[in-house]
Amino acid sequence: LTVRRPDVTLLPEVPVQRLLIPTGGNLHIPTFFIRGSGRGMLLALDDRGKEFVLKEEPVATALKDGWSVCGLDPRGIGEMATTQTEWLSAASLLLGNSFVDRQALDLFAAASLFQGRPIRLVARGPDAVLAAARAVPHLSGLKSYTFYEGFQSYREFLNRPKSLETSYQLRKDNSDRFAYDHEIPFFY
């Protein structure tokens, strides 16, 4: 996964900014940027939307410690949310790519604005955590990451204790398909 640095200018005299970061196609990722004292950059994403990251303890602590914060809504999350996740995931796979990879590329586009700075990553919720986990191995300058209310590791994603046995059962109806939605990020 690679991305070119987008043509976005951070204004040094403005402490809080709204940015639209261009990514693949004519898509622009909505973000906010809060300038810190220069310790590094915290990238934050939340399934509920980028505004909710400001209520989270790791983000508040980072701001107090002088870190800059960039909250973003990658495709499928927050301002970019969709109600058609099943269709979107299936269509992406049919086209030969992964929707989660696209979300990770959105995260890379934001991270590329801050190359050369230490980066921390905070993600909350199953979809945000999955996108962030996909990006982690490829983020240069990453110092730490915090994932919560989602998958904590690839092992947890692959070893789903509650849904594994159920996933092999053939059913006549879909009435209980949401029973394990916290373990499976998209409904296929």
N, C-alpha and C. Protein backbone atom coordinates (compact mmCIF):
# COMPACT_ATOMS: atom_id res chain seq x y z
N LEU A 1 0.85 -1.19 0.00
CA LEU A 1 0.00 0.00 0.00
C LEU A 1 0.89 1.24 0.00
N THR A 2 0.71 2.07 -1.00
CA THR A 2 1.48 3.32 -1.07
C THR A 2 0.56 4.43 -1.54
N VAL A 3 0.96 5.65 -1.21
CA VAL A 3 0.19 6.82 -1.60
C VAL A 3 1.14 8.00 -1.75
N ARG A 4 0.83 8.89 -2.69
CA ARG A 4 1.61 10.13 -2.84
C ARG A 4 1.10 11.15 -1.84
N ARG A 5 1.98 12.06 -1.42
CA ARG A 5 1.57 13.12 -0.51
C ARG A 5 0.56 14.01 -1.24
N PRO A 6 -0.63 14.18 -0.64
CA PRO A 6 -1.64 15.02 -1.30
C PRO A 6 -1.24 16.49 -1.29
N ASP A 7 -1.79 17.22 -2.22
CA ASP A 7 -1.51 18.65 -2.32
C ASP A 7 -2.46 19.41 -1.39
N VAL A 8 -2.11 19.41 -0.10
CA VAL A 8 -2.90 20.09 0.92
C VAL A 8 -1.94 20.95 1.73
N THR A 9 -2.32 22.18 2.00
CA THR A 9 -1.46 23.08 2.74
C THR A 9 -2.01 23.29 4.15
N LEU A 10 -1.14 23.06 5.12
CA LEU A 10 -1.48 23.35 6.52
C LEU A 10 -1.02 24.76 6.83
N LEU A 11 -1.93 25.61 7.25
CA LEU A 11 -1.60 26.99 7.52
C LEU A 11 -0.98 27.11 8.92
N PRO A 12 0.27 27.59 9.00
CA PRO A 12 0.97 27.62 10.30
C PRO A 12 0.33 28.55 11.33
N GLU A 13 -0.37 29.58 10.88
CA GLU A 13 -0.94 30.55 11.81
C GLU A 13 -2.33 30.16 12.31
N VAL A 14 -2.89 29.07 11.78
CA VAL A 14 -4.24 28.66 12.16
C VAL A 14 -4.14 27.40 13.03
N PRO A 15 -4.56 27.49 14.31
CA PRO A 15 -4.41 26.35 15.21
C PRO A 15 -5.40 25.20 14.96
N VAL A 16 -6.59 25.51 14.43
CA VAL A 16 -7.59 24.48 14.14
C VAL A 16 -8.06 24.67 12.70
N GLN A 17 -8.00 23.59 11.93
CA GLN A 17 -8.35 23.69 10.52
C GLN A 17 -9.21 22.50 10.11
N ARG A 18 -10.09 22.73 9.15
CA ARG A 18 -10.81 21.64 8.49
C ARG A 18 -10.12 21.43 7.15
N LEU A 19 -9.81 20.18 6.85
CA LEU A 19 -9.11 19.86 5.61
C LEU A 19 -9.92 18.84 4.82
N LEU A 20 -9.83 18.92 3.52
CA LEU A 20 -10.36 17.89 2.63
C LEU A 20 -9.16 17.31 1.90
N ILE A 21 -8.79 16.08 2.22
CA ILE A 21 -7.59 15.46 1.67
C ILE A 21 -7.97 14.62 0.46
N PRO A 22 -7.43 14.97 -0.72
CA PRO A 22 -7.77 14.19 -1.91
C PRO A 22 -7.17 12.79 -1.83
N THR A 23 -7.94 11.82 -2.29
CA THR A 23 -7.48 10.44 -2.36
C THR A 23 -7.94 9.88 -3.69
N GLY A 24 -7.88 8.59 -3.91
CA GLY A 24 -8.21 8.00 -5.20
C GLY A 24 -9.53 8.47 -5.78
N GLY A 25 -9.56 8.64 -7.08
CA GLY A 25 -10.76 9.14 -7.75
C GLY A 25 -10.96 10.61 -7.40
N ASN A 26 -12.18 11.06 -7.43
CA ASN A 26 -12.48 12.44 -7.03
C ASN A 26 -12.97 12.50 -5.60
N LEU A 27 -12.46 11.63 -4.77
CA LEU A 27 -12.87 11.54 -3.38
C LEU A 27 -11.97 12.40 -2.50
N HIS A 28 -12.59 13.10 -1.55
CA HIS A 28 -11.85 13.92 -0.59
C HIS A 28 -12.22 13.48 0.82
N ILE A 29 -11.22 13.17 1.61
CA ILE A 29 -11.43 12.67 2.96
C ILE A 29 -11.55 13.86 3.91
N PRO A 30 -12.69 14.00 4.61
CA PRO A 30 -12.86 15.11 5.55
C PRO A 30 -12.04 14.86 6.82
N THR A 31 -11.31 15.87 7.23
CA THR A 31 -10.48 15.78 8.43
C THR A 31 -10.52 17.10 9.18
N PHE A 32 -10.09 17.05 10.43
CA PHE A 32 -9.78 18.28 11.15
C PHE A 32 -8.35 18.16 11.65
N PHE A 33 -7.72 19.29 11.84
CA PHE A 33 -6.34 19.33 12.32
C PHE A 33 -6.26 20.32 13.46
N ILE A 34 -5.74 19.88 14.60
CA ILE A 34 -5.51 20.75 15.75
C ILE A 34 -4.01 20.77 15.99
N ARG A 35 -3.42 21.94 15.88
CA ARG A 35 -1.97 22.08 16.02
C ARG A 35 -1.56 22.00 17.49
N GLY A 36 -0.58 21.15 17.77
CA GLY A 36 -0.01 21.02 19.11
C GLY A 36 1.30 21.80 19.18
N SER A 37 2.11 21.47 20.17
CA SER A 37 3.38 22.19 20.34
C SER A 37 4.53 21.53 19.59
N GLY A 38 4.23 20.51 18.78
CA GLY A 38 5.26 19.94 17.92
C GLY A 38 5.83 18.60 18.34
N ARG A 39 5.24 17.94 19.32
CA ARG A 39 5.76 16.64 19.76
C ARG A 39 5.55 15.55 18.72
N GLY A 40 4.50 15.66 17.95
CA GLY A 40 4.20 14.65 16.95
C GLY A 40 2.76 14.77 16.51
N MET A 41 2.30 13.76 15.76
CA MET A 41 0.96 13.78 15.19
C MET A 41 0.17 12.56 15.66
N LEU A 42 -1.01 12.79 16.16
CA LEU A 42 -1.93 11.71 16.52
C LEU A 42 -3.01 11.65 15.45
N LEU A 43 -3.10 10.53 14.76
CA LEU A 43 -4.17 10.29 13.79
C LEU A 43 -5.26 9.53 14.52
N ALA A 44 -6.49 10.00 14.41
CA ALA A 44 -7.59 9.40 15.17
C ALA A 44 -8.79 9.17 14.27
N LEU A 45 -9.38 7.97 14.39
CA LEU A 45 -10.60 7.67 13.67
C LEU A 45 -11.53 6.88 14.56
N ASP A 46 -12.82 7.10 14.34
CA ASP A 46 -13.86 6.52 15.18
C ASP A 46 -15.04 6.17 14.30
N ASP A 47 -15.62 5.01 14.53
CA ASP A 47 -16.78 4.59 13.72
C ASP A 47 -17.93 5.60 13.80
N ARG A 48 -18.03 6.32 14.89
CA ARG A 48 -19.12 7.29 15.05
C ARG A 48 -18.85 8.58 14.29
N GLY A 49 -17.62 8.81 13.87
CA GLY A 49 -17.25 10.04 13.17
C GLY A 49 -16.08 10.71 13.85
N LYS A 50 -15.36 11.52 13.09
CA LYS A 50 -14.13 12.13 13.58
C LYS A 50 -14.34 13.06 14.77
N GLU A 51 -15.50 13.69 14.88
CA GLU A 51 -15.74 14.62 15.98
C GLU A 51 -15.73 13.91 17.34
N PHE A 52 -16.11 12.63 17.34
CA PHE A 52 -16.18 11.87 18.59
C PHE A 52 -14.81 11.55 19.16
N VAL A 53 -13.76 11.62 18.35
CA VAL A 53 -12.43 11.28 18.87
C VAL A 53 -11.99 12.28 19.93
N LEU A 54 -12.52 13.49 19.88
CA LEU A 54 -12.11 14.50 20.86
C LEU A 54 -12.59 14.17 22.27
N LYS A 55 -13.58 13.29 22.38
CA LYS A 55 -14.09 12.89 23.69
C LYS A 55 -13.30 11.73 24.30
N GLU A 56 -12.41 11.14 23.53
CA GLU A 56 -11.68 9.96 23.98
C GLU A 56 -10.44 10.36 24.78
N GLU A 57 -10.19 9.61 25.85
CA GLU A 57 -9.09 9.92 26.77
C GLU A 57 -7.71 9.97 26.10
N PRO A 58 -7.36 9.00 25.22
CA PRO A 58 -6.03 9.07 24.61
C PRO A 58 -5.82 10.34 23.78
N VAL A 59 -6.88 10.82 23.16
CA VAL A 59 -6.78 12.03 22.34
C VAL A 59 -6.64 13.26 23.24
N ALA A 60 -7.45 13.34 24.29
CA ALA A 60 -7.36 14.47 25.23
C ALA A 60 -5.98 14.52 25.88
N THR A 61 -5.45 13.37 26.25
CA THR A 61 -4.12 13.31 26.86
C THR A 61 -3.05 13.76 25.87
N ALA A 62 -3.16 13.32 24.62
CA ALA A 62 -2.19 13.71 23.60
C ALA A 62 -2.20 15.23 23.39
N LEU A 63 -3.39 15.82 23.35
CA LEU A 63 -3.48 17.28 23.20
C LEU A 63 -2.81 17.99 24.37
N LYS A 64 -3.05 17.50 25.60
CA LYS A 64 -2.42 18.10 26.78
C LYS A 64 -0.91 17.97 26.74
N ASP A 65 -0.43 16.87 26.15
CA ASP A 65 1.01 16.61 26.08
C ASP A 65 1.69 17.28 24.89
N GLY A 66 0.94 18.06 24.12
CA GLY A 66 1.55 18.82 23.03
C GLY A 66 1.52 18.16 21.67
N TRP A 67 0.82 17.06 21.53
CA TRP A 67 0.71 16.41 20.23
C TRP A 67 -0.33 17.13 19.38
N SER A 68 -0.09 17.21 18.09
CA SER A 68 -1.11 17.68 17.16
C SER A 68 -2.07 16.52 16.91
N VAL A 69 -3.31 16.84 16.56
CA VAL A 69 -4.31 15.80 16.34
C VAL A 69 -4.94 16.00 14.97
N CYS A 70 -5.05 14.90 14.24
CA CYS A 70 -5.75 14.89 12.97
C CYS A 70 -6.85 13.84 13.07
N GLY A 71 -8.09 14.27 13.11
CA GLY A 71 -9.24 13.36 13.12
C GLY A 71 -9.73 13.21 11.70
N LEU A 72 -9.99 11.98 11.27
CA LEU A 72 -10.40 11.79 9.89
C LEU A 72 -11.55 10.80 9.78
N ASP A 73 -12.29 10.96 8.71
CA ASP A 73 -13.39 10.06 8.37
C ASP A 73 -13.05 9.38 7.05
N PRO A 74 -12.36 8.22 7.10
CA PRO A 74 -12.11 7.51 5.85
C PRO A 74 -13.42 7.02 5.25
N ARG A 75 -13.39 6.65 4.00
CA ARG A 75 -14.62 6.20 3.33
C ARG A 75 -15.32 5.14 4.16
N GLY A 76 -16.65 5.27 4.25
CA GLY A 76 -17.46 4.32 5.00
C GLY A 76 -17.67 4.69 6.46
N ILE A 77 -17.03 5.77 6.92
CA ILE A 77 -17.09 6.16 8.33
C ILE A 77 -17.43 7.65 8.44
N GLY A 78 -18.22 8.02 9.45
CA GLY A 78 -18.50 9.44 9.74
C GLY A 78 -19.20 10.13 8.58
N GLU A 79 -18.63 11.26 8.12
CA GLU A 79 -19.22 12.00 7.00
C GLU A 79 -19.28 11.16 5.73
N MET A 80 -18.39 10.18 5.64
CA MET A 80 -18.31 9.34 4.45
C MET A 80 -19.08 8.02 4.65
N ALA A 81 -19.91 7.93 5.68
CA ALA A 81 -20.61 6.69 6.02
C ALA A 81 -21.60 6.30 4.93
N THR A 82 -21.87 5.01 4.88
CA THR A 82 -22.85 4.48 3.95
C THR A 82 -23.71 3.47 4.69
N THR A 83 -24.91 3.29 4.21
CA THR A 83 -25.77 2.26 4.79
C THR A 83 -25.69 0.98 3.97
N GLN A 84 -24.95 1.01 2.89
CA GLN A 84 -24.86 -0.13 1.97
C GLN A 84 -23.53 -0.86 2.10
N THR A 85 -23.12 -1.20 3.32
CA THR A 85 -21.81 -1.81 3.52
C THR A 85 -21.69 -3.18 2.84
N GLU A 86 -22.77 -3.95 2.83
CA GLU A 86 -22.71 -5.27 2.19
C GLU A 86 -22.44 -5.11 0.70
N TRP A 87 -23.20 -4.27 0.07
CA TRP A 87 -23.06 -4.05 -1.36
C TRP A 87 -21.69 -3.47 -1.68
N LEU A 88 -21.25 -2.50 -0.90
CA LEU A 88 -19.97 -1.84 -1.12
C LEU A 88 -18.81 -2.82 -1.00
N SER A 89 -18.83 -3.65 0.03
CA SER A 89 -17.77 -4.64 0.22
C SER A 89 -17.76 -5.66 -0.91
N ALA A 90 -18.93 -6.15 -1.28
CA ALA A 90 -19.03 -7.13 -2.35
C ALA A 90 -18.57 -6.54 -3.68
N ALA A 91 -19.02 -5.33 -3.99
CA ALA A 91 -18.63 -4.69 -5.25
C ALA A 91 -17.12 -4.45 -5.29
N SER A 92 -16.53 -4.04 -4.18
CA SER A 92 -15.08 -3.83 -4.11
C SER A 92 -14.34 -5.13 -4.40
N LEU A 93 -14.79 -6.22 -3.78
CA LEU A 93 -14.13 -7.51 -4.01
C LEU A 93 -14.29 -7.97 -5.45
N LEU A 94 -15.46 -7.74 -6.04
CA LEU A 94 -15.66 -8.10 -7.44
C LEU A 94 -14.75 -7.30 -8.37
N LEU A 95 -14.42 -6.09 -7.98
CA LEU A 95 -13.52 -5.25 -8.78
C LEU A 95 -12.05 -5.54 -8.51
N GLY A 96 -11.80 -6.48 -7.60
CA GLY A 96 -10.43 -6.90 -7.36
C GLY A 96 -9.69 -6.12 -6.29
N ASN A 97 -10.41 -5.39 -5.46
CA ASN A 97 -9.75 -4.71 -4.36
C ASN A 97 -10.59 -4.87 -3.10
N SER A 98 -10.03 -4.41 -2.02
CA SER A 98 -10.70 -4.55 -0.74
C SER A 98 -11.11 -3.17 -0.22
N PHE A 99 -12.31 -3.09 0.30
CA PHE A 99 -12.78 -1.82 0.86
C PHE A 99 -11.91 -1.40 2.04
N VAL A 100 -11.47 -2.37 2.83
CA VAL A 100 -10.60 -2.07 3.97
C VAL A 100 -9.26 -1.51 3.48
N ASP A 101 -8.73 -2.03 2.37
CA ASP A 101 -7.51 -1.46 1.79
C ASP A 101 -7.73 -0.01 1.38
N ARG A 102 -8.89 0.28 0.82
CA ARG A 102 -9.21 1.66 0.43
C ARG A 102 -9.25 2.58 1.65
N GLN A 103 -9.84 2.08 2.74
CA GLN A 103 -9.86 2.86 3.98
C GLN A 103 -8.44 3.09 4.49
N ALA A 104 -7.60 2.05 4.41
CA ALA A 104 -6.21 2.19 4.83
C ALA A 104 -5.48 3.22 3.96
N LEU A 105 -5.77 3.25 2.67
CA LEU A 105 -5.16 4.25 1.79
C LEU A 105 -5.60 5.66 2.18
N ASP A 106 -6.84 5.82 2.61
CA ASP A 106 -7.30 7.12 3.09
C ASP A 106 -6.49 7.54 4.31
N LEU A 107 -6.24 6.60 5.19
CA LEU A 107 -5.42 6.86 6.37
C LEU A 107 -3.99 7.23 5.97
N PHE A 108 -3.43 6.52 4.98
CA PHE A 108 -2.08 6.86 4.49
C PHE A 108 -2.03 8.26 3.91
N ALA A 109 -3.07 8.64 3.18
CA ALA A 109 -3.09 9.98 2.59
C ALA A 109 -2.99 11.04 3.68
N ALA A 110 -3.73 10.85 4.77
CA ALA A 110 -3.65 11.80 5.89
C ALA A 110 -2.27 11.73 6.55
N ALA A 111 -1.75 10.52 6.76
CA ALA A 111 -0.44 10.37 7.42
C ALA A 111 0.68 10.97 6.59
N SER A 112 0.55 10.92 5.26
CA SER A 112 1.62 11.45 4.40
C SER A 112 1.79 12.96 4.54
N LEU A 113 0.77 13.65 5.04
CA LEU A 113 0.91 15.09 5.28
C LEU A 113 1.90 15.37 6.40
N PHE A 114 2.16 14.37 7.23
CA PHE A 114 2.97 14.58 8.42
C PHE A 114 4.24 13.72 8.40
N GLN A 115 4.76 13.46 7.21
CA GLN A 115 5.99 12.66 7.08
C GLN A 115 7.12 13.32 7.84
N GLY A 116 7.93 12.49 8.47
CA GLY A 116 9.07 13.00 9.22
C GLY A 116 8.74 13.30 10.67
N ARG A 117 7.48 13.25 11.03
CA ARG A 117 7.07 13.48 12.42
C ARG A 117 6.72 12.14 13.07
N PRO A 118 6.89 12.02 14.38
CA PRO A 118 6.40 10.82 15.06
C PRO A 118 4.88 10.76 14.95
N ILE A 119 4.37 9.57 14.72
CA ILE A 119 2.92 9.39 14.54
C ILE A 119 2.39 8.39 15.56
N ARG A 120 1.27 8.73 16.15
CA ARG A 120 0.50 7.80 16.99
C ARG A 120 -0.85 7.62 16.32
N LEU A 121 -1.45 6.47 16.54
CA LEU A 121 -2.72 6.14 15.89
C LEU A 121 -3.71 5.66 16.94
N VAL A 122 -4.92 6.22 16.90
CA VAL A 122 -5.99 5.79 17.80
C VAL A 122 -7.20 5.46 16.93
N ALA A 123 -7.78 4.27 17.13
CA ALA A 123 -8.97 3.88 16.38
C ALA A 123 -9.97 3.24 17.33
N ARG A 124 -11.24 3.61 17.16
CA ARG A 124 -12.30 3.08 18.01
C ARG A 124 -13.43 2.56 17.14
N GLY A 125 -13.89 1.35 17.42
CA GLY A 125 -14.99 0.74 16.69
C GLY A 125 -14.49 -0.30 15.70
N PRO A 126 -15.30 -1.29 15.40
CA PRO A 126 -14.87 -2.39 14.53
C PRO A 126 -14.35 -1.97 13.16
N ASP A 127 -15.03 -1.06 12.49
CA ASP A 127 -14.61 -0.67 11.15
C ASP A 127 -13.34 0.17 11.18
N ALA A 128 -13.28 1.13 12.09
CA ALA A 128 -12.10 1.99 12.21
C ALA A 128 -10.88 1.16 12.61
N VAL A 129 -11.07 0.24 13.53
CA VAL A 129 -9.95 -0.60 13.99
C VAL A 129 -9.45 -1.49 12.85
N LEU A 130 -10.35 -2.04 12.07
CA LEU A 130 -9.94 -2.89 10.96
C LEU A 130 -9.14 -2.09 9.93
N ALA A 131 -9.60 -0.90 9.59
CA ALA A 131 -8.86 -0.05 8.65
C ALA A 131 -7.49 0.33 9.23
N ALA A 132 -7.46 0.69 10.50
CA ALA A 132 -6.19 1.07 11.14
C ALA A 132 -5.24 -0.11 11.22
N ALA A 133 -5.77 -1.30 11.55
CA ALA A 133 -4.92 -2.49 11.63
C ALA A 133 -4.30 -2.81 10.27
N ARG A 134 -5.06 -2.58 9.21
CA ARG A 134 -4.53 -2.80 7.86
C ARG A 134 -3.41 -1.82 7.55
N ALA A 135 -3.48 -0.62 8.09
CA ALA A 135 -2.50 0.42 7.80
C ALA A 135 -1.24 0.30 8.66
N VAL A 136 -1.36 -0.23 9.86
CA VAL A 136 -0.25 -0.24 10.82
C VAL A 136 1.08 -0.74 10.26
N PRO A 137 1.13 -1.88 9.57
CA PRO A 137 2.44 -2.37 9.11
C PRO A 137 3.12 -1.45 8.10
N HIS A 138 2.38 -0.54 7.50
CA HIS A 138 2.91 0.28 6.42
C HIS A 138 3.12 1.75 6.80
N LEU A 139 2.76 2.15 8.01
CA LEU A 139 2.89 3.55 8.41
C LEU A 139 4.31 3.83 8.89
N SER A 140 5.02 4.67 8.16
CA SER A 140 6.37 5.03 8.59
C SER A 140 6.28 6.09 9.69
N GLY A 141 7.16 6.00 10.64
CA GLY A 141 7.17 6.95 11.76
C GLY A 141 6.18 6.62 12.86
N LEU A 142 5.52 5.45 12.77
CA LEU A 142 4.52 5.08 13.77
C LEU A 142 5.22 4.73 15.08
N LYS A 143 4.86 5.44 16.14
CA LYS A 143 5.45 5.22 17.47
C LYS A 143 4.58 4.32 18.33
N SER A 144 3.25 4.45 18.21
CA SER A 144 2.35 3.62 18.99
C SER A 144 0.97 3.65 18.36
N TYR A 145 0.16 2.67 18.75
CA TYR A 145 -1.22 2.67 18.31
C TYR A 145 -2.10 2.11 19.42
N THR A 146 -3.34 2.56 19.44
CA THR A 146 -4.33 2.11 20.42
C THR A 146 -5.61 1.79 19.68
N PHE A 147 -6.06 0.55 19.82
CA PHE A 147 -7.32 0.11 19.21
C PHE A 147 -8.25 -0.31 20.33
N TYR A 148 -9.50 0.12 20.27
CA TYR A 148 -10.47 -0.35 21.24
C TYR A 148 -11.85 -0.41 20.64
N GLU A 149 -12.68 -1.29 21.26
CA GLU A 149 -14.03 -1.60 20.80
C GLU A 149 -14.03 -2.12 19.37
N GLY A 150 -13.03 -2.88 19.05
CA GLY A 150 -12.91 -3.53 17.75
C GLY A 150 -11.91 -4.66 17.89
N PHE A 151 -11.41 -5.11 16.78
CA PHE A 151 -10.40 -6.16 16.82
C PHE A 151 -9.13 -5.61 17.43
N GLN A 152 -8.51 -6.36 18.32
CA GLN A 152 -7.27 -5.92 18.96
C GLN A 152 -6.05 -6.48 18.25
N SER A 153 -6.24 -7.50 17.43
CA SER A 153 -5.12 -8.11 16.73
C SER A 153 -5.65 -8.89 15.53
N TYR A 154 -4.74 -9.27 14.62
CA TYR A 154 -5.14 -10.10 13.50
C TYR A 154 -5.58 -11.48 14.00
N ARG A 155 -4.96 -11.94 15.08
CA ARG A 155 -5.33 -13.24 15.65
C ARG A 155 -6.80 -13.21 16.08
N GLU A 156 -7.21 -12.12 16.72
CA GLU A 156 -8.60 -12.01 17.16
C GLU A 156 -9.55 -11.98 15.97
N PHE A 157 -9.12 -11.36 14.88
CA PHE A 157 -9.93 -11.31 13.67
C PHE A 157 -10.11 -12.71 13.08
N LEU A 158 -9.02 -13.47 13.04
CA LEU A 158 -9.07 -14.80 12.45
C LEU A 158 -9.67 -15.84 13.38
N ASN A 159 -9.46 -15.70 14.68
CA ASN A 159 -9.96 -16.67 15.66
C ASN A 159 -11.16 -16.05 16.37
N ARG A 160 -12.33 -16.20 15.79
CA ARG A 160 -13.54 -15.59 16.33
C ARG A 160 -14.27 -16.62 17.18
N PRO A 161 -14.06 -16.63 18.47
CA PRO A 161 -14.62 -17.71 19.30
C PRO A 161 -16.15 -17.81 19.26
N LYS A 162 -16.86 -16.71 19.19
CA LYS A 162 -18.33 -16.76 19.23
C LYS A 162 -18.94 -17.08 17.88
N SER A 163 -18.33 -16.60 16.82
CA SER A 163 -18.99 -16.73 15.52
C SER A 163 -18.42 -17.82 14.64
N LEU A 164 -17.27 -18.39 14.99
CA LEU A 164 -16.64 -19.35 14.10
C LEU A 164 -17.54 -20.54 13.82
N GLU A 165 -18.06 -21.19 14.85
CA GLU A 165 -18.90 -22.37 14.66
C GLU A 165 -20.19 -21.99 13.91
N THR A 166 -20.76 -20.86 14.27
CA THR A 166 -22.00 -20.41 13.63
C THR A 166 -21.77 -20.13 12.14
N SER A 167 -20.59 -19.66 11.78
CA SER A 167 -20.34 -19.30 10.39
C SER A 167 -20.37 -20.50 9.45
N TYR A 168 -20.23 -21.70 10.00
CA TYR A 168 -20.27 -22.91 9.18
C TYR A 168 -21.66 -23.54 9.09
N GLN A 169 -22.62 -22.99 9.76
CA GLN A 169 -23.97 -23.55 9.76
C GLN A 169 -24.77 -23.02 8.58
N LEU A 170 -25.49 -23.92 7.93
CA LEU A 170 -26.39 -23.51 6.85
C LEU A 170 -27.75 -23.19 7.46
N ARG A 171 -28.31 -22.06 7.10
CA ARG A 171 -29.58 -21.64 7.69
C ARG A 171 -30.57 -21.33 6.58
N LYS A 172 -31.84 -21.46 6.93
CA LYS A 172 -32.89 -21.14 5.97
C LYS A 172 -33.16 -19.64 5.92
N ASP A 173 -32.89 -18.94 7.02
CA ASP A 173 -33.16 -17.50 7.05
C ASP A 173 -31.98 -16.76 7.67
N ASN A 174 -32.03 -15.45 7.58
CA ASN A 174 -30.97 -14.58 8.07
C ASN A 174 -31.37 -13.87 9.36
N SER A 175 -32.37 -14.32 10.04
CA SER A 175 -32.95 -13.55 11.14
C SER A 175 -31.96 -13.23 12.26
N ASP A 176 -30.95 -14.07 12.45
CA ASP A 176 -30.02 -13.79 13.56
C ASP A 176 -28.62 -13.41 13.07
N ARG A 177 -28.51 -12.89 11.87
CA ARG A 177 -27.19 -12.60 11.32
C ARG A 177 -26.47 -11.47 12.05
N PHE A 178 -27.20 -10.66 12.82
CA PHE A 178 -26.57 -9.56 13.53
C PHE A 178 -26.05 -9.98 14.91
N ALA A 179 -26.24 -11.24 15.26
CA ALA A 179 -25.85 -11.70 16.59
C ALA A 179 -24.36 -11.54 16.85
N TYR A 180 -23.53 -11.60 15.82
CA TYR A 180 -22.09 -11.53 16.01
C TYR A 180 -21.49 -10.34 15.25
N ASP A 181 -22.25 -9.29 15.08
CA ASP A 181 -21.78 -8.18 14.26
C ASP A 181 -20.55 -7.49 14.83
N HIS A 182 -20.29 -7.61 16.14
CA HIS A 182 -19.07 -7.00 16.68
C HIS A 182 -17.84 -7.81 16.32
N GLU A 183 -18.01 -9.04 15.83
CA GLU A 183 -16.89 -9.85 15.44
C GLU A 183 -16.62 -9.80 13.94
N ILE A 184 -17.64 -9.48 13.15
CA ILE A 184 -17.49 -9.45 11.70
C ILE A 184 -17.80 -8.04 11.24
N PRO A 185 -16.82 -7.34 10.66
CA PRO A 185 -17.01 -5.92 10.37
C PRO A 185 -18.04 -5.60 9.30
N PHE A 186 -18.14 -6.40 8.25
CA PHE A 186 -19.13 -6.17 7.21
C PHE A 186 -19.96 -7.43 7.06
N PHE A 187 -21.22 -7.28 6.74
CA PHE A 187 -22.10 -8.41 6.54
C PHE A 187 -21.99 -8.85 5.10
N TYR A 188 -21.58 -10.08 4.85
CA TYR A 188 -21.39 -10.55 3.48
C TYR A 188 -22.55 -11.42 3.06
